[in-house]
Each structure stands twice: as C-alpha cells, then as structure tokens.
C-alpha atoms as a PDB file:
ATOM      1  CA  UNK A   1     141.142 107.928  69.987  1.00  0.00           C
ATOM      2  CA  UNK A   2     139.191 110.964  68.731  1.00  0.00           C
ATOM      3  CA  UNK A   3     138.815 114.238  70.921  1.00  0.00           C
ATOM      4  CA  UNK A   4     135.616 114.804  72.064  1.00  0.00           C
ATOM      5  CA  UNK A   5     133.738 117.285  69.984  1.00  0.00           C
ATOM      6  CA  UNK A   6     133.681 120.620  71.468  1.00  0.00           C
ATOM      7  CA  UNK A   7     131.718 123.990  71.221  1.00  0.00           C
ATOM      8  CA  UNK A   8     134.164 125.454  68.859  1.00  0.00           C
ATOM      9  CA  UNK A   9     134.313 122.248  66.250  1.00  0.00           C
ATOM     10  CA  UNK A  10     129.990 123.212  66.463  1.00  0.00           C
ATOM     11  CA  UNK A  11     130.973 126.544  65.640  1.00  0.00           C
ATOM     12  CA  UNK A  12     133.010 126.025  62.697  1.00  0.00           C
ATOM     13  CA  UNK A  13     130.506 123.419  61.355  1.00  0.00           C
ATOM     14  CA  UNK A  14     127.791 125.412  61.808  1.00  0.00           C
ATOM     15  CA  UNK A  15     129.667 128.802  60.626  1.00  0.00           C
ATOM     16  CA  UNK A  16     128.864 130.719  63.541  1.00  0.00           C
ATOM     17  CA  UNK A  17     130.401 131.929  66.694  1.00  0.00           C
ATOM     18  CA  UNK A  18     131.261 129.976  69.652  1.00  0.00           C
ATOM     19  CA  UNK A  19     128.787 132.209  71.279  1.00  0.00           C
ATOM     20  CA  UNK A  20     126.021 131.562  69.690  1.00  0.00           C
ATOM     21  CA  UNK A  21     126.319 127.893  70.192  1.00  0.00           C
ATOM     22  CA  UNK A  22     126.332 128.477  73.727  1.00  0.00           C
ATOM     23  CA  UNK A  23     123.313 130.632  73.422  1.00  0.00           C
ATOM     24  CA  UNK A  24     121.472 128.036  71.352  1.00  0.00           C
ATOM     25  CA  UNK A  25     122.274 125.574  74.149  1.00  0.00           C
ATOM     26  CA  UNK A  26     121.803 127.932  77.058  1.00  0.00           C
ATOM     27  CA  UNK A  27     119.783 130.746  76.024  1.00  0.00           C
ATOM     28  CA  UNK A  28     117.800 129.630  72.669  1.00  0.00           C
ATOM     29  CA  UNK A  29     115.173 132.551  72.984  1.00  0.00           C
ATOM     30  CA  UNK A  30     117.906 134.802  72.044  1.00  0.00           C
ATOM     31  CA  UNK A  31     118.737 132.978  68.934  1.00  0.00           C
ATOM     32  CA  UNK A  32     117.057 133.439  65.517  1.00  0.00           C
ATOM     33  CA  UNK A  33     114.874 129.975  64.503  1.00  0.00           C
ATOM     34  CA  UNK A  34     117.111 129.752  61.149  1.00  0.00           C
ATOM     35  CA  UNK A  35     120.530 130.114  63.557  1.00  0.00           C
ATOM     36  CA  UNK A  36     119.326 127.842  66.127  1.00  0.00           C
ATOM     37  CA  UNK A  37     118.113 125.099  63.296  1.00  0.00           C
ATOM     38  CA  UNK A  38     122.201 125.227  61.793  1.00  0.00           C
ATOM     39  CA  UNK A  39     123.574 124.612  65.254  1.00  0.00           C
ATOM     40  CA  UNK A  40     121.298 122.379  66.011  1.00  0.00           C
ATOM     41  CA  UNK A  41     122.023 120.224  62.723  1.00  0.00           C
ATOM     42  CA  UNK A  42     126.019 120.536  63.347  1.00  0.00           C
ATOM     43  CA  UNK A  43     125.232 119.188  67.263  1.00  0.00           C
ATOM     44  CA  UNK A  44     123.553 116.079  65.494  1.00  0.00           C
ATOM     45  CA  UNK A  45     125.890 115.910  62.352  1.00  0.00           C
ATOM     46  CA  UNK A  46     129.216 115.734  64.893  1.00  0.00           C
ATOM     47  CA  UNK A  47     127.452 113.862  68.207  1.00  0.00           C
ATOM     48  CA  UNK A  48     128.034 116.772  70.421  1.00  0.00           C
ATOM     49  CA  UNK A  49     127.428 116.125  74.112  1.00  0.00           C
ATOM     50  CA  UNK A  50     127.367 119.418  75.864  1.00  0.00           C
ATOM     51  CA  UNK A  51     129.036 119.046  79.335  1.00  0.00           C
ATOM     52  CA  UNK A  52     126.408 118.602  82.273  1.00  0.00           C
ATOM     53  CA  UNK A  53     128.195 119.600  85.077  1.00  0.00           C
ATOM     54  CA  UNK A  54     129.665 122.921  83.715  1.00  0.00           C
ATOM     55  CA  UNK A  55     126.262 123.482  82.666  1.00  0.00           C
ATOM     56  CA  UNK A  56     124.622 122.851  86.015  1.00  0.00           C
ATOM     57  CA  UNK A  57     127.317 124.795  87.871  1.00  0.00           C
ATOM     58  CA  UNK A  58     126.681 128.083  85.426  1.00  0.00           C
ATOM     59  CA  UNK A  59     122.871 127.562  86.094  1.00  0.00           C
ATOM     60  CA  UNK A  60     122.979 126.537  89.826  1.00  0.00           C
ATOM     61  CA  UNK A  61     120.699 123.184  89.255  1.00  0.00           C
ATOM     62  CA  UNK A  62     120.822 120.220  86.994  1.00  0.00           C
ATOM     63  CA  UNK A  63     118.093 119.073  83.941  1.00  0.00           C
ATOM     64  CA  UNK A  64     116.994 116.346  86.510  1.00  0.00           C
ATOM     65  CA  UNK A  65     114.520 115.909  89.277  1.00  0.00           C
ATOM     66  CA  UNK A  66     114.379 113.705  92.066  1.00  0.00           C
ATOM     67  CA  UNK A  67     111.580 110.849  93.529  1.00  0.00           C
ATOM     68  CA  UNK A  68     111.819 109.628  96.873  1.00  0.00           C
ATOM     69  CA  UNK A  69     109.344 106.497  97.117  1.00  0.00           C
ATOM     70  CA  UNK A  70     108.438 104.177 100.468  1.00  0.00           C
ATOM     71  CA  UNK A  71     108.405 100.724  98.632  1.00  0.00           C
ATOM     72  CA  UNK A  72     110.080 100.580  95.266  1.00  0.00           C
ATOM     73  CA  UNK A  73     108.701  96.954  95.092  1.00  0.00           C
ATOM     74  CA  UNK A  74     105.130  97.864  95.092  1.00  0.00           C
ATOM     75  CA  UNK A  75     103.385  98.193  91.195  1.00  0.00           C
ATOM     76  CA  UNK A  76     101.748 101.142  92.742  1.00  0.00           C
ATOM     77  CA  UNK A  77     104.669 103.004  92.824  1.00  0.00           C
ATOM     78  CA  UNK A  78     106.175 101.812  89.674  1.00  0.00           C
ATOM     79  CA  UNK A  79     102.713 103.388  87.871  1.00  0.00           C
ATOM     80  CA  UNK A  80     103.413 106.503  89.468  1.00  0.00           C
ATOM     81  CA  UNK A  81     106.749 106.624  88.409  1.00  0.00           C
ATOM     82  CA  UNK A  82     105.823 105.743  84.641  1.00  0.00           C
ATOM     83  CA  UNK A  83     103.870 109.016  85.145  1.00  0.00           C
ATOM     84  CA  UNK A  84     106.717 111.238  86.383  1.00  0.00           C
ATOM     85  CA  UNK A  85     108.736 110.307  84.036  1.00  0.00           C
ATOM     86  CA  UNK A  86     106.957 110.779  80.760  1.00  0.00           C
ATOM     87  CA  UNK A  87     106.183 114.028  81.714  1.00  0.00           C
ATOM     88  CA  UNK A  88     109.598 115.037  82.958  1.00  0.00           C
ATOM     89  CA  UNK A  89     110.961 113.437  79.656  1.00  0.00           C
ATOM     90  CA  UNK A  90     108.686 115.449  77.754  1.00  0.00           C
ATOM     91  CA  UNK A  91     109.797 118.516  79.125  1.00  0.00           C
ATOM     92  CA  UNK A  92     113.952 117.690  78.902  1.00  0.00           C
ATOM     93  CA  UNK A  93     113.919 116.365  82.293  1.00  0.00           C
ATOM     94  CA  UNK A  94     115.720 112.959  83.872  1.00  0.00           C
ATOM     95  CA  UNK A  95     114.491 111.331  86.994  1.00  0.00           C
ATOM     96  CA  UNK A  96     116.427 110.020  89.820  1.00  0.00           C
ATOM     97  CA  UNK A  97     114.874 107.689  91.781  1.00  0.00           C
ATOM     98  CA  UNK A  98     115.345 106.487  95.277  1.00  0.00           C
ATOM     99  CA  UNK A  99     113.545 104.354  97.740  1.00  0.00           C
ATOM    100  CA  UNK A 100     113.089 104.958 101.405  1.00  0.00           C
ATOM    101  CA  UNK A 101     111.511 102.293 102.435  1.00  0.00           C
ATOM    102  CA  UNK A 102     109.492 103.740 104.730  1.00  0.00           C
ATOM    103  CA  UNK A 103     112.777 104.545 106.829  1.00  0.00           C
ATOM    104  CA  UNK A 104     113.146 108.406 107.792  1.00  0.00           C
ATOM    105  CA  UNK A 105     116.853 107.672 108.012  1.00  0.00           C
ATOM    106  CA  UNK A 106     117.094 106.066 104.732  1.00  0.00           C
ATOM    107  CA  UNK A 107     114.948 108.927 103.064  1.00  0.00           C
ATOM    108  CA  UNK A 108     117.132 111.685 104.894  1.00  0.00           C
ATOM    109  CA  UNK A 109     120.312 110.326 103.367  1.00  0.00           C
ATOM    110  CA  UNK A 110     118.618 110.159  99.752  1.00  0.00           C
ATOM    111  CA  UNK A 111     117.708 113.645  99.872  1.00  0.00           C
ATOM    112  CA  UNK A 112     121.043 114.459 100.668  1.00  0.00           C
ATOM    113  CA  UNK A 113     122.243 113.058  97.783  1.00  0.00           C
ATOM    114  CA  UNK A 114     119.750 114.352  95.186  1.00  0.00           C
ATOM    115  CA  UNK A 115     120.781 117.991  97.038  1.00  0.00           C
ATOM    116  CA  UNK A 116     124.332 117.194  95.940  1.00  0.00           C
ATOM    117  CA  UNK A 117     123.540 116.703  92.834  1.00  0.00           C
ATOM    118  CA  UNK A 118     121.408 119.827  92.327  1.00  0.00           C
ATOM    119  CA  UNK A 119     118.272 118.262  91.295  1.00  0.00           C
ATOM    120  CA  UNK A 120     115.945 121.143  90.132  1.00  0.00           C
ATOM    121  CA  UNK A 121     113.320 119.870  92.335  1.00  0.00           C
ATOM    122  CA  UNK A 122     112.005 116.232  94.294  1.00  0.00           C
ATOM    123  CA  UNK A 123     108.579 114.716  94.131  1.00  0.00           C
ATOM    124  CA  UNK A 124     108.381 112.809  97.674  1.00  0.00           C
ATOM    125  CA  UNK A 125     105.918 110.023  99.396  1.00  0.00           C
ATOM    126  CA  UNK A 126     107.365 111.265 102.823  1.00  0.00           C
ATOM    127  CA  UNK A 127     107.783 108.363 105.484  1.00  0.00           C
ATOM    128  CA  UNK A 128     106.315 110.457 108.070  1.00  0.00           C
ATOM    129  CA  UNK A 129     104.622 113.562 109.054  1.00  0.00           C
ATOM    130  CA  UNK A 130     107.469 115.775 110.014  1.00  0.00           C
ATOM    131  CA  UNK A 131     108.012 118.292 107.330  1.00  0.00           C
ATOM    132  CA  UNK A 132     111.636 119.948 108.806  1.00  0.00           C
ATOM    133  CA  UNK A 133     113.611 117.976 106.009  1.00  0.00           C
ATOM    134  CA  UNK A 134     111.680 119.451 103.171  1.00  0.00           C
ATOM    135  CA  UNK A 135     111.952 122.690 104.897  1.00  0.00           C
ATOM    136  CA  UNK A 136     115.613 122.133 104.121  1.00  0.00           C
ATOM    137  CA  UNK A 137     115.319 121.493 100.470  1.00  0.00           C
ATOM    138  CA  UNK A 138     113.247 124.531  99.873  1.00  0.00           C
ATOM    139  CA  UNK A 139     115.398 126.796 101.678  1.00  0.00           C
ATOM    140  CA  UNK A 140     118.096 125.117  99.553  1.00  0.00           C
ATOM    141  CA  UNK A 141     116.094 126.535  95.822  1.00  0.00           C
ATOM    142  CA  UNK A 142     114.817 123.095  95.475  1.00  0.00           C
ATOM    143  CA  UNK A 143     111.480 122.688  94.898  1.00  0.00           C
ATOM    144  CA  UNK A 144     109.151 119.917  96.780  1.00  0.00           C
ATOM    145  CA  UNK A 145     105.575 118.459  95.722  1.00  0.00           C
ATOM    146  CA  UNK A 146     104.413 115.879  98.206  1.00  0.00           C
ATOM    147  CA  UNK A 147     103.078 112.389  96.017  1.00  0.00           C
ATOM    148  CA  UNK A 148     100.595 110.461  97.429  1.00  0.00           C
ATOM    149  CA  UNK A 149     100.304 112.344 100.538  1.00  0.00           C
ATOM    150  CA  UNK A 150      98.107 115.400 101.098  1.00  0.00           C
ATOM    151  CA  UNK A 151      99.869 119.032 101.820  1.00  0.00           C
ATOM    152  CA  UNK A 152      98.657 120.874 105.070  1.00  0.00           C
ATOM    153  CA  UNK A 153      99.950 124.147 104.125  1.00  0.00           C
ATOM    154  CA  UNK A 154      98.659 126.069 101.636  1.00  0.00           C
ATOM    155  CA  UNK A 155     102.619 127.210 100.462  1.00  0.00           C
ATOM    156  CA  UNK A 156     102.859 123.514  99.387  1.00  0.00           C
ATOM    157  CA  UNK A 157     101.971 121.574  96.334  1.00  0.00           C
ATOM    158  CA  UNK A 158     100.575 118.324  96.452  1.00  0.00           C
ATOM    159  CA  UNK A 159      98.732 115.170  94.524  1.00  0.00           C
ATOM    160  CA  UNK A 160      96.708 112.576  96.415  1.00  0.00           C
ATOM    161  CA  UNK A 161      94.089 110.051  96.719  1.00  0.00           C
ATOM    162  CA  UNK A 162      91.074 110.499  99.637  1.00  0.00           C
ATOM    163  CA  UNK A 163      91.835 107.410 101.300  1.00  0.00           C
ATOM    164  CA  UNK A 164      89.618 108.175 104.156  1.00  0.00           C
ATOM    165  CA  UNK A 165      86.644 107.687 101.048  1.00  0.00           C
ATOM    166  CA  UNK A 166      88.344 104.588 100.003  1.00  0.00           C
ATOM    167  CA  UNK A 167      87.987 103.327 103.244  1.00  0.00           C
ATOM    168  CA  UNK A 168      84.626 103.809 103.439  1.00  0.00           C
ATOM    169  CA  UNK A 169      83.996 102.640  99.767  1.00  0.00           C
ATOM    170  CA  UNK A 170      85.355  99.201 100.889  1.00  0.00           C
ATOM    171  CA  UNK A 171      83.628  98.691 103.672  1.00  0.00           C
ATOM    172  CA  UNK A 172      80.385  99.974 102.554  1.00  0.00           C
ATOM    173  CA  UNK A 173      80.943  97.012  99.679  1.00  0.00           C
ATOM    174  CA  UNK A 174      81.884  94.484 102.088  1.00  0.00           C
ATOM    175  CA  UNK A 175      78.699  95.133 103.956  1.00  0.00           C
ATOM    176  CA  UNK A 176      76.310  95.530 101.127  1.00  0.00           C
ATOM    177  CA  UNK A 177      77.408  91.582 100.814  1.00  0.00           C
ATOM    178  CA  UNK A 178      75.892  90.851 104.383  1.00  0.00           C
ATOM    179  CA  UNK A 179      79.189  90.982 106.018  1.00  0.00           C
ATOM    180  CA  UNK A 180      78.677  91.782 110.099  1.00  0.00           C
ATOM    181  CA  UNK A 181      82.452  90.991 111.132  1.00  0.00           C
ATOM    182  CA  UNK A 182      85.325  92.473 109.153  1.00  0.00           C
ATOM    183  CA  UNK A 183      88.854  91.843 109.446  1.00  0.00           C
ATOM    184  CA  UNK A 184      91.245  95.282 108.604  1.00  0.00           C
ATOM    185  CA  UNK A 185      94.674  93.837 107.543  1.00  0.00           C
ATOM    186  CA  UNK A 186      97.197  96.830 107.688  1.00  0.00           C
ATOM    187  CA  UNK A 187     100.459  97.499 107.206  1.00  0.00           C
ATOM    188  CA  UNK A 188     102.179 100.117 110.102  1.00  0.00           C
ATOM    189  CA  UNK A 189      99.666 102.282 111.269  1.00  0.00           C
ATOM    190  CA  UNK A 190     102.460 104.905 111.586  1.00  0.00           C
ATOM    191  CA  UNK A 191     101.743 105.244 107.750  1.00  0.00           C
ATOM    192  CA  UNK A 192      99.319 107.698 106.794  1.00  0.00           C
ATOM    193  CA  UNK A 193      97.465 106.058 103.884  1.00  0.00           C
ATOM    194  CA  UNK A 194      96.912 102.858 106.512  1.00  0.00           C
ATOM    195  CA  UNK A 195      95.631 105.385 109.116  1.00  0.00           C
ATOM    196  CA  UNK A 196      93.392 107.102 106.464  1.00  0.00           C
ATOM    197  CA  UNK A 197      91.831 103.673 105.170  1.00  0.00           C
ATOM    198  CA  UNK A 198      91.357 102.282 108.846  1.00  0.00           C
ATOM    199  CA  UNK A 199      89.445 105.963 109.375  1.00  0.00           C
ATOM    200  CA  UNK A 200      87.219 105.305 106.421  1.00  0.00           C
ATOM    201  CA  UNK A 201      86.443 101.788 107.096  1.00  0.00           C
ATOM    202  CA  UNK A 202      85.179 103.033 110.533  1.00  0.00           C
ATOM    203  CA  UNK A 203      82.934 105.127 109.253  1.00  0.00           C
ATOM    204  CA  UNK A 204      80.892 102.542 106.993  1.00  0.00           C
ATOM    205  CA  UNK A 205      81.113  99.769 110.066  1.00  0.00           C
ATOM    206  CA  UNK A 206      77.005 100.789 110.796  1.00  0.00           C
ATOM    207  CA  UNK A 207      77.228  98.526 113.750  1.00  0.00           C
ATOM    208  CA  UNK A 208      79.586  95.878 112.121  1.00  0.00           C
ATOM    209  CA  UNK A 209      83.058  94.582 114.092  1.00  0.00           C
ATOM    210  CA  UNK A 210      86.271  95.664 112.855  1.00  0.00           C
ATOM    211  CA  UNK A 211      88.844  93.779 113.776  1.00  0.00           C
ATOM    212  CA  UNK A 212      92.443  95.394 113.140  1.00  0.00           C
ATOM    213  CA  UNK A 213      95.545  93.205 112.312  1.00  0.00           C
ATOM    214  CA  UNK A 214      98.699  95.008 111.703  1.00  0.00           C
ATOM    215  CA  UNK A 215     101.689  93.895 110.051  1.00  0.00           C
ATOM    216  CA  UNK A 216     105.375  95.271 110.155  1.00  0.00           C
ATOM    217  CA  UNK A 217     105.077  95.118 105.874  1.00  0.00           C
ATOM    218  CA  UNK A 218     102.734  95.577 102.866  1.00  0.00           C
ATOM    219  CA  UNK A 219     103.995  92.336 100.920  1.00  0.00           C
ATOM    220  CA  UNK A 220     102.162  89.062 100.175  1.00  0.00           C
ATOM    221  CA  UNK A 221     104.462  87.652 102.440  1.00  0.00           C
ATOM    222  CA  UNK A 222     102.855  89.662 105.120  1.00  0.00           C
ATOM    223  CA  UNK A 223      99.309  89.354 103.974  1.00  0.00           C
ATOM    224  CA  UNK A 224     100.396  85.006 103.945  1.00  0.00           C
ATOM    225  CA  UNK A 225     101.380  85.296 107.606  1.00  0.00           C
ATOM    226  CA  UNK A 226      98.381  87.268 108.330  1.00  0.00           C
ATOM    227  CA  UNK A 227      96.328  84.956 106.656  1.00  0.00           C
ATOM    228  CA  UNK A 228      97.854  82.039 109.043  1.00  0.00           C
ATOM    229  CA  UNK A 229      97.168  84.106 112.417  1.00  0.00           C
ATOM    230  CA  UNK A 230      93.630  84.260 111.426  1.00  0.00           C
ATOM    231  CA  UNK A 231      93.325  80.434 110.559  1.00  0.00           C
ATOM    232  CA  UNK A 232      95.031  79.731 113.934  1.00  0.00           C
ATOM    233  CA  UNK A 233      92.638  81.397 115.778  1.00  0.00           C
ATOM    234  CA  UNK A 234      89.794  80.101 114.542  1.00  0.00           C
ATOM    235  CA  UNK A 235      88.220  82.975 114.075  1.00  0.00           C
ATOM    236  CA  UNK A 236      87.365  84.127 110.699  1.00  0.00           C
ATOM    237  CA  UNK A 237      85.471  86.603 110.128  1.00  0.00           C
ATOM    238  CA  UNK A 238      83.014  87.261 107.263  1.00  0.00           C
ATOM    239  CA  UNK A 239      84.878  89.668 105.006  1.00  0.00           C
ATOM    240  CA  UNK A 240      88.455  91.154 104.948  1.00  0.00           C
ATOM    241  CA  UNK A 241      89.699  94.431 103.779  1.00  0.00           C
ATOM    242  CA  UNK A 242      93.478  94.968 102.968  1.00  0.00           C
ATOM    243  CA  UNK A 243      95.393  98.238 102.780  1.00  0.00           C
ATOM    244  CA  UNK A 244      96.882  97.618  99.556  1.00  0.00           C
ATOM    245  CA  UNK A 245      96.706  94.737  97.148  1.00  0.00           C
ATOM    246  CA  UNK A 246      99.866  92.806  97.764  1.00  0.00           C
ATOM    247  CA  UNK A 247      98.814  92.114 101.147  1.00  0.00           C
ATOM    248  CA  UNK A 248      95.474  91.025  99.765  1.00  0.00           C
ATOM    249  CA  UNK A 249      96.829  89.290  96.921  1.00  0.00           C
ATOM    250  CA  UNK A 250      99.108  87.146  99.902  1.00  0.00           C
ATOM    251  CA  UNK A 251      96.145  86.739 102.195  1.00  0.00           C
ATOM    252  CA  UNK A 252      94.431  84.996  99.149  1.00  0.00           C
ATOM    253  CA  UNK A 253      97.112  82.667  98.570  1.00  0.00           C
ATOM    254  CA  UNK A 254      97.068  81.560 102.585  1.00  0.00           C
ATOM    255  CA  UNK A 255      93.361  81.300 102.608  1.00  0.00           C
ATOM    256  CA  UNK A 256      92.827  79.274  99.313  1.00  0.00           C
ATOM    257  CA  UNK A 257      95.954  76.788 100.964  1.00  0.00           C
ATOM    258  CA  UNK A 258      93.794  76.324 104.033  1.00  0.00           C
ATOM    259  CA  UNK A 259      90.941  75.306 101.991  1.00  0.00           C
ATOM    260  CA  UNK A 260      88.887  78.159 102.602  1.00  0.00           C
ATOM    261  CA  UNK A 261      87.225  79.755  99.663  1.00  0.00           C
ATOM    262  CA  UNK A 262      87.109  83.141  98.501  1.00  0.00           C
ATOM    263  CA  UNK A 263      84.415  84.517  98.069  1.00  0.00           C
ATOM    264  CA  UNK A 264      82.087  81.738  99.264  1.00  0.00           C
ATOM    265  CA  UNK A 265      83.734  81.213 102.606  1.00  0.00           C
ATOM    266  CA  UNK A 266      85.123  84.692 103.160  1.00  0.00           C
ATOM    267  CA  UNK A 267      84.907  87.809 100.803  1.00  0.00           C
ATOM    268  CA  UNK A 268      88.095  89.690 100.139  1.00  0.00           C
ATOM    269  CA  UNK A 269      88.816  93.319  99.038  1.00  0.00           C
ATOM    270  CA  UNK A 270      92.334  95.310  98.406  1.00  0.00           C
ATOM    271  CA  UNK A 271      93.359  98.501  97.533  1.00  0.00           C
ATOM    272  CA  UNK A 272      95.541 100.021  94.841  1.00  0.00           C
ATOM    273  CA  UNK A 273      93.964  97.829  91.941  1.00  0.00           C
ATOM    274  CA  UNK A 274      97.357  96.792  90.702  1.00  0.00           C
ATOM    275  CA  UNK A 275      97.606  94.627  87.246  1.00  0.00           C
ATOM    276  CA  UNK A 276      97.982  91.361  89.321  1.00  0.00           C
ATOM    277  CA  UNK A 277      94.366  92.123  91.288  1.00  0.00           C
ATOM    278  CA  UNK A 278      92.872  91.372  87.868  1.00  0.00           C
ATOM    279  CA  UNK A 279      95.153  88.063  87.185  1.00  0.00           C
ATOM    280  CA  UNK A 280      94.859  86.312  90.362  1.00  0.00           C
ATOM    281  CA  UNK A 281      93.531  83.000  90.146  1.00  0.00           C
ATOM    282  CA  UNK A 282      90.451  84.246  91.919  1.00  0.00           C
ATOM    283  CA  UNK A 283      90.100  87.937  90.847  1.00  0.00           C
ATOM    284  CA  UNK A 284      90.378  90.617  93.190  1.00  0.00           C
ATOM    285  CA  UNK A 285      87.865  92.951  94.094  1.00  0.00           C
ATOM    286  CA  UNK A 286      89.888  96.338  94.990  1.00  0.00           C
ATOM    287  CA  UNK A 287      89.948 100.283  95.215  1.00  0.00           C
ATOM    288  CA  UNK A 288      91.388 101.877  92.307  1.00  0.00           C
ATOM    289  CA  UNK A 289      93.719 105.016  92.503  1.00  0.00           C
ATOM    290  CA  UNK A 290      94.533 107.254  89.326  1.00  0.00           C
ATOM    291  CA  UNK A 291      98.346 106.010  89.994  1.00  0.00           C
ATOM    292  CA  UNK A 292      99.515 107.007  86.326  1.00  0.00           C
ATOM    293  CA  UNK A 293      97.613 110.330  87.079  1.00  0.00           C
ATOM    294  CA  UNK A 294      99.324 111.264  90.306  1.00  0.00           C
ATOM    295  CA  UNK A 295     102.706 110.949  89.021  1.00  0.00           C
ATOM    296  CA  UNK A 296     101.727 113.198  85.768  1.00  0.00           C
ATOM    297  CA  UNK A 297     100.098 115.993  87.431  1.00  0.00           C
ATOM    298  CA  UNK A 298     102.910 116.037  90.361  1.00  0.00           C
ATOM    299  CA  UNK A 299     105.294 116.281  87.918  1.00  0.00           C
ATOM    300  CA  UNK A 300     103.484 118.969  86.188  1.00  0.00           C
ATOM    301  CA  UNK A 301     102.932 120.710  89.222  1.00  0.00           C
ATOM    302  CA  UNK A 302     106.586 120.542  90.288  1.00  0.00           C
ATOM    303  CA  UNK A 303     107.807 121.825  86.808  1.00  0.00           C
ATOM    304  CA  UNK A 304     105.385 124.484  86.720  1.00  0.00           C
ATOM    305  CA  UNK A 305     106.731 125.906  90.126  1.00  0.00           C
ATOM    306  CA  UNK A 306     110.687 125.422  88.875  1.00  0.00           C
ATOM    307  CA  UNK A 307     109.971 127.183  85.543  1.00  0.00           C
ATOM    308  CA  UNK A 308     107.848 129.669  86.768  1.00  0.00           C
ATOM    309  CA  UNK A 309     108.326 130.510  90.426  1.00  0.00           C
ATOM    310  CA  UNK A 310     106.202 133.970  90.219  1.00  0.00           C
ATOM    311  CA  UNK A 311     103.003 133.104  88.846  1.00  0.00           C
ATOM    312  CA  UNK A 312     103.042 129.538  89.921  1.00  0.00           C
ATOM    313  CA  UNK A 313      99.894 128.809  91.951  1.00  0.00           C
ATOM    314  CA  UNK A 314     100.295 126.080  94.612  1.00  0.00           C
ATOM    315  CA  UNK A 315      97.646 123.178  94.356  1.00  0.00           C
ATOM    316  CA  UNK A 316      96.225 120.742  96.775  1.00  0.00           C
ATOM    317  CA  UNK A 317      94.812 118.029  94.775  1.00  0.00           C
ATOM    318  CA  UNK A 318      92.847 115.222  95.758  1.00  0.00           C
ATOM    319  CA  UNK A 319      91.545 112.340  93.656  1.00  0.00           C
ATOM    320  CA  UNK A 320      88.563 110.052  94.357  1.00  0.00           C
ATOM    321  CA  UNK A 321      89.507 106.704  94.144  1.00  0.00           C
ATOM    322  CA  UNK A 322      87.123 104.232  92.855  1.00  0.00           C
ATOM    323  CA  UNK A 323      85.448 100.482  93.194  1.00  0.00           C
ATOM    324  CA  UNK A 324      86.443  97.750  91.112  1.00  0.00           C
ATOM    325  CA  UNK A 325      84.191  94.635  91.831  1.00  0.00           C
ATOM    326  CA  UNK A 326      85.379  91.183  90.815  1.00  0.00           C
ATOM    327  CA  UNK A 327      85.528  87.561  91.970  1.00  0.00           C
ATOM    328  CA  UNK A 328      86.723  87.878  95.254  1.00  0.00           C
ATOM    329  CA  UNK A 329      83.415  89.498  96.981  1.00  0.00           C
ATOM    330  CA  UNK A 330      80.788  87.815  94.436  1.00  0.00           C
END
C-alpha cells in the first residue's frame, strides 16, 4: 500500500519549499503566478489531497456551507438547492443539505451538527419565526441568510418571493373566470408561506366566498384527502386555490377519480410551478416562483458576507411571482 502524498512530496516534485506549497494552498496571493502554476501542476500529477480537517482547524471554518430546508421532498426545494450548489461549486465550496421537515426540534439538531462541522455559513428556510437559534449561529461567527423567507431586521440578508402578491394573483385569475365561491387548500397555517398566500387571496375576493381547508401536510396525498373531504361534504366550490403544486396535483387526482372535470366543473390553480405541473394529465395553472434564482442569489449574498464581512451590505431581496395559465383554469 502506498503512503499518502504529502506536502513535502509536492514540494520536492515542484522544486520549492514546503512553506511555498503551504502558501499556494492557503494564501495563494503571496506566491507568484509562475510558482503557483508549478505547485498546482505537481498537486495534479501526484494526486495530492489536502487534509481538510487540519485546514479547517487553522482557518476556524471549512469550505462548506449548510442548507436547511423544510421539505426535501418538494421539487421547489430541489430547484433551490440546484441554484445553491451551482454558485457554491463555482467558488470552491461544498454544500451540506439538511431537512427539518418543518420541525423546530429537528432543525435545531441539524443546525448544531452544521456548527460542529464548522461550516462557513448557513442558508435556511426556517421552520418558524423565532430568530433565537439563528442568532446563536451568528454569535459563533457563522453567517446566515434566509431563503424563501423575508428578514424583518436590517442586519440580516434574505431572499424571498412576495407570497401575498402570489395569493392575490391566483384568486384574481380565478375571479376573472367567473368564480364566486373559492376554496383555499393549504398546509399548516403556522407556515409563513401558507399564511401569506391566504392573506393575498383574501385581498382579491371582491365579495366572493373563501373557504379554507387546512391540511397537516403539503403533499399529493394531502391534496387527494382534501378532495375526498370536499366531495363527501357535497359542496364543491367554483374554483380551488392550492398553496402548492403538490397539493394541487393530489386534488386533481381526487377530483378526476370522482368524475369531477377540471376545469369544466371546478377550476384549479397551484403554486410553485414545479415541472410536474405542466406534465400532469390536465396541465396545471400555477404561480411560478424563480426557484433556481432564489438559490443562486442567496448563496451569492452568503459567500459575499463570509468573504467580505467589512464591506458586505445586507440586502432583503423580494422577487415577484408570475402567473402561468394552463388547462386547469381555461
């Protein structure tokens, strides 16, 4: 078995001192371009891999960032994660993904693990509004940026989508199609996005009724259960607004199996515009969020604060959602 290649091997191969190799790895700006090129060539040729934990101990942090989401099974967060990973990878960072499943307890445990790993920063869609655990991270020198959640303080970066505007857009569209009774099918109304989308919906009612059906989850199964409940009660609305596309796709399945036609009998609109929305049996009208851009911009803000803490300017960026009309409301 061969011994691992060390800094001294790289130095000998490149014809420089071990200190020069160390500078190339940790402080490349101190080394001339020609010498840096020689050392980097030696690293590649010998297959040298630096000892990550030792570098972390010296720097006080690692070349990793954490990403904490509330529902890893939702394609919305898959797209956000892709945007995060793109920027992080380009800047030499790895991403540790964790899923809170909307649980405060699980989220706190995940954040402790990230802190123990000495991550440089954390991107998080928080499970609730309490900032205490995020403040503890900041006290440890770990930068934090909120994703899909607005910040309510000037010393905190955030990237979010205007969900109140999204709810208003959804119900305005349903009202323009003649709906006078509308159901809002949502996940737990402890979730900020669900609350804001309902508030936006209520702004656009203009005399129409809004019936709220709160489910314990925001999944296709929960959407199908909501459809069954609605059908059993025998009081179908003119239109249904679901707080995300997974609920809407389950709702579509439940209605279709009961012989209820979408959009002829009931119009249906979702939220997020995940890929499955366009590919469903009846293509789903939805409120599109710039998911990929959310991830990219949040990561850019986080790493700018990490790398330039003295010049970094905190930003609270709010994107506007977009209505995508398909068959389910035509």
